[in-house]
């Protein structure tokens, strides 16, 4: 008998705190400062916003407010995350064999520090009987390992500055999707345009696994690094 595997990927958007900007029908000032010097500088290898001579800078807060003081803290940073499909149907798999799939995540941000990608799931792949599960893979995000045995796991197939722990084609390393949001990939530094990361899935039911349809919800979260 065969198993039909479905993964529902739910996408959340993460963003840093923003501040109010001044504007009218004719202008908009995102941030202003009285300083001695500073400007936007760039070259082939970097992009830098700096200012010199601010008497008061930093982040202040209390129970009732949060204040970002100074030019650098007032710059608004945008971030967005899209996925190639919100639902992944991995098709049918015979017990004792495996089936693979993938999701392409695209992050767009003007954050000069880059971003973190996080992942979590609501539960292991669950049968329509609401009791029987295909267990998560045995290895973790901190120490992914080569595929062996049964379960459901994920890896990072491609992206910008992919961590060495995920391995390379054809020797990828896999980890369980955790129940709590956990960073699995970090992109450092500024990048113009969309930056893509391809996540791969692998499911290998045991020979004794109950036939039927299994599914779960996977949540990807992106956070800008300031």
Protein backbone atom coordinates (compact mmCIF):
# COMPACT_ATOMS: atom_id res chain seq x y z
CA UNK A 1 0.00 0.00 0.00
CA UNK A 2 1.08 3.60 -0.59
CA UNK A 3 1.14 6.77 1.51
CA UNK A 4 0.12 10.19 0.17
CA UNK A 5 2.27 12.88 1.77
CA UNK A 6 1.18 16.51 1.94
CA UNK A 7 3.00 19.46 3.48
CA UNK A 8 1.25 22.78 4.03
CA UNK A 9 3.79 25.61 4.21
CA UNK A 10 2.51 28.73 5.99
CA UNK A 11 4.57 31.87 5.50
CA UNK A 12 4.99 34.59 8.13
CA UNK A 13 6.76 37.88 7.64
CA UNK A 14 9.21 39.15 10.25
CA UNK A 15 10.31 42.79 10.43
CA UNK A 16 12.18 45.08 12.81
CA UNK A 17 10.49 47.89 14.71
CA UNK A 18 9.78 50.99 12.62
CA UNK A 19 9.46 54.67 13.52
CA UNK A 20 7.17 57.43 12.29
CA UNK A 21 8.29 59.51 9.30
CA UNK A 22 7.42 63.11 8.48
CA UNK A 23 5.68 63.84 5.20
CA UNK A 24 3.14 65.79 3.20
CA UNK A 25 1.68 65.71 -0.31
CA UNK A 26 5.03 66.97 -1.67
CA UNK A 27 7.74 65.32 0.45
CA UNK A 28 8.64 62.53 2.85
CA UNK A 29 11.51 62.52 5.36
CA UNK A 30 12.17 59.03 6.71
CA UNK A 31 14.75 60.28 9.22
CA UNK A 32 16.54 63.51 10.04
CA UNK A 33 19.51 64.41 12.22
CA UNK A 34 21.67 67.37 13.19
CA UNK A 35 25.25 66.09 12.87
CA UNK A 36 28.72 67.25 11.92
CA UNK A 37 29.05 65.01 8.86
CA UNK A 38 27.95 61.75 7.27
CA UNK A 39 26.34 60.44 4.11
CA UNK A 40 25.61 57.36 2.03
CA UNK A 41 28.79 55.74 0.73
CA UNK A 42 29.18 52.70 -1.47
CA UNK A 43 31.51 50.78 -3.75
CA UNK A 44 31.51 47.45 -5.56
CA UNK A 45 31.90 45.63 -2.24
CA UNK A 46 29.91 47.62 0.34
CA UNK A 47 27.12 50.07 1.08
CA UNK A 48 27.35 52.33 4.16
CA UNK A 49 25.09 54.90 5.78
CA UNK A 50 26.94 56.87 8.45
CA UNK A 51 26.67 60.06 10.48
CA UNK A 52 29.05 61.91 12.81
CA UNK A 53 28.45 64.27 15.72
CA UNK A 54 25.10 63.12 17.17
CA UNK A 55 24.90 64.01 20.88
CA UNK A 56 22.18 61.45 21.74
CA UNK A 57 21.79 58.05 20.07
CA UNK A 58 20.49 54.63 21.04
CA UNK A 59 17.25 52.86 21.93
CA UNK A 60 15.27 53.90 24.98
CA UNK A 61 12.15 52.23 26.30
CA UNK A 62 9.79 51.85 29.24
CA UNK A 63 6.45 50.19 29.88
CA UNK A 64 4.69 52.83 27.78
CA UNK A 65 7.09 53.71 24.95
CA UNK A 66 10.04 52.71 22.80
CA UNK A 67 12.26 55.41 21.28
CA UNK A 68 14.91 54.95 18.60
CA UNK A 69 17.22 57.96 18.84
CA UNK A 70 19.64 58.99 16.11
CA UNK A 71 19.89 58.63 12.37
CA UNK A 72 20.99 55.00 12.23
CA UNK A 73 18.20 53.86 14.54
CA UNK A 74 15.55 55.80 12.59
CA UNK A 75 16.13 54.25 9.18
CA UNK A 76 13.11 52.15 8.19
CA UNK A 77 13.96 48.62 7.07
CA UNK A 78 11.57 46.61 4.93
CA UNK A 79 11.51 42.84 4.54
CA UNK A 80 9.30 40.33 2.74
CA UNK A 81 9.21 36.55 2.31
CA UNK A 82 7.49 34.64 -0.48
CA UNK A 83 7.32 30.92 -1.24
CA UNK A 84 6.82 29.26 -4.62
CA UNK A 85 3.72 27.46 -3.32
CA UNK A 86 1.79 27.45 -0.04
CA UNK A 87 0.98 23.74 -0.38
CA UNK A 88 3.41 20.95 -1.28
CA UNK A 89 2.00 17.58 -2.38
CA UNK A 90 4.87 15.11 -2.28
CA UNK A 91 2.77 12.42 -3.92
CA UNK A 92 2.71 8.72 -3.06
CA UNK A 93 5.49 6.61 -1.62
CA UNK A 94 5.77 2.87 -1.05
CA UNK A 95 6.61 1.74 2.51
CA UNK A 96 10.33 1.25 2.88
CA UNK A 97 11.21 3.77 0.14
CA UNK A 98 11.38 7.58 0.13
CA UNK A 99 9.94 10.60 -1.66
CA UNK A 100 11.45 14.10 -1.97
CA UNK A 101 10.20 17.64 -2.59
CA UNK A 102 11.31 21.23 -2.21
CA UNK A 103 10.20 24.82 -1.53
CA UNK A 104 11.85 27.96 -2.91
CA UNK A 105 11.90 30.85 -0.43
CA UNK A 106 12.59 34.38 -1.68
CA UNK A 107 13.59 37.11 0.78
CA UNK A 108 13.72 40.78 -0.20
CA UNK A 109 15.12 43.27 2.31
CA UNK A 110 17.17 46.46 2.46
CA UNK A 111 18.60 45.51 5.85
CA UNK A 112 22.37 46.03 5.81
CA UNK A 113 22.83 43.18 8.32
CA UNK A 114 21.12 40.50 6.23
CA UNK A 115 18.48 38.15 7.63
CA UNK A 116 17.75 34.93 9.53
CA UNK A 117 15.43 32.19 8.24
CA UNK A 118 13.55 30.17 10.87
CA UNK A 119 11.36 27.09 10.58
CA UNK A 120 8.92 25.14 12.76
CA UNK A 121 6.03 22.70 12.40
CA UNK A 122 2.74 22.18 14.23
CA UNK A 123 3.34 18.41 14.62
CA UNK A 124 4.94 15.44 12.88
CA UNK A 125 3.34 14.22 9.63
CA UNK A 126 -0.07 13.07 10.85
CA UNK A 127 -2.45 10.51 9.34
CA UNK A 128 -6.08 11.47 8.71
CA UNK A 129 -6.95 9.28 11.69
CA UNK A 130 -5.41 12.10 13.80
CA UNK A 131 -3.36 9.55 15.75
CA UNK A 132 -0.78 7.82 13.54
CA UNK A 133 2.39 9.76 12.70
CA UNK A 134 5.44 9.45 10.52
CA UNK A 135 8.14 10.43 13.03
CA UNK A 136 10.49 13.36 12.47
CA UNK A 137 14.04 12.58 11.42
CA UNK A 138 16.47 11.85 14.23
CA UNK A 139 19.04 14.63 13.60
CA UNK A 140 18.68 18.30 14.58
CA UNK A 141 19.27 21.68 12.92
CA UNK A 142 22.39 22.19 15.02
CA UNK A 143 23.83 18.86 13.80
CA UNK A 144 22.15 17.67 10.58
CA UNK A 145 23.29 14.30 9.27
CA UNK A 146 23.24 12.13 6.15
CA UNK A 147 19.93 10.42 5.44
CA UNK A 148 19.54 6.97 6.95
CA UNK A 149 16.47 5.04 8.04
CA UNK A 150 12.96 6.42 8.26
CA UNK A 151 11.15 9.64 9.10
CA UNK A 152 10.54 13.14 7.76
CA UNK A 153 13.35 15.68 7.49
CA UNK A 154 14.53 18.76 5.61
CA UNK A 155 17.76 20.24 4.26
CA UNK A 156 19.01 23.36 2.46
CA UNK A 157 19.64 22.51 -1.17
CA UNK A 158 20.89 25.92 -2.33
CA UNK A 159 21.10 29.59 -1.40
CA UNK A 160 23.51 32.39 -0.58
CA UNK A 161 26.31 31.42 1.82
CA UNK A 162 24.64 28.13 2.79
CA UNK A 163 26.16 26.72 5.97
CA UNK A 164 28.60 23.84 5.39
CA UNK A 165 26.69 21.64 7.85
CA UNK A 166 23.91 21.10 5.26
CA UNK A 167 26.30 19.34 2.88
CA UNK A 168 26.36 19.54 -0.92
CA UNK A 169 24.90 17.62 -3.85
CA UNK A 170 24.53 14.67 -3.73
CA UNK A 171 25.54 14.36 -0.07
CA UNK A 172 23.05 16.60 1.72
CA UNK A 173 22.51 16.43 5.48
CA UNK A 174 19.01 16.42 6.98
CA UNK A 175 17.35 17.53 10.21
CA UNK A 176 13.95 17.31 11.84
CA UNK A 177 11.65 20.32 11.55
CA UNK A 178 11.40 21.54 15.19
CA UNK A 179 8.21 22.39 17.06
CA UNK A 180 9.63 25.80 18.08
CA UNK A 181 10.86 28.36 15.51
CA UNK A 182 14.60 27.81 15.05
CA UNK A 183 17.16 29.53 12.80
CA UNK A 184 18.31 27.17 10.05
CA UNK A 185 20.00 29.61 7.66
CA UNK A 186 21.57 33.07 7.98
CA UNK A 187 22.35 35.45 5.13
CA UNK A 188 24.80 38.14 6.22
CA UNK A 189 25.12 41.58 4.63
CA UNK A 190 23.15 43.67 2.18
CA UNK A 191 21.83 42.24 -1.10
CA UNK A 192 19.82 44.04 -3.77
CA UNK A 193 16.75 42.26 -5.11
CA UNK A 194 15.30 38.93 -4.03
CA UNK A 195 17.58 36.35 -2.42
CA UNK A 196 16.51 32.71 -2.87
CA UNK A 197 16.95 29.71 -0.60
CA UNK A 198 15.77 26.25 -1.68
CA UNK A 199 14.63 23.93 1.10
CA UNK A 200 14.45 20.20 0.37
CA UNK A 201 12.18 17.62 2.07
CA UNK A 202 12.59 13.87 2.40
CA UNK A 203 10.02 11.36 3.67
CA UNK A 204 10.75 7.67 4.22
CA UNK A 205 7.92 5.71 5.92
CA UNK A 206 8.78 2.45 7.66
CA UNK A 207 7.65 -0.81 6.07
CA UNK A 208 5.12 -1.18 8.88
CA UNK A 209 3.72 2.38 8.47
CA UNK A 210 -0.06 2.61 8.12
CA UNK A 211 -1.17 3.48 4.57
CA UNK A 212 -3.09 6.70 3.97
CA UNK A 213 -2.70 10.47 3.73
CA UNK A 214 -0.33 12.32 6.06
CA UNK A 215 0.09 16.08 6.42
CA UNK A 216 1.37 18.85 8.66
CA UNK A 217 1.92 22.62 8.62
CA UNK A 218 5.40 24.09 8.30
CA UNK A 219 5.99 27.75 9.18
CA UNK A 220 8.89 29.72 7.69
CA UNK A 221 9.79 33.02 9.35
CA UNK A 222 12.29 35.68 8.26
CA UNK A 223 13.86 38.27 10.57
CA UNK A 224 15.97 41.21 9.44
CA UNK A 225 19.40 41.58 11.07
CA UNK A 226 20.19 45.19 11.98
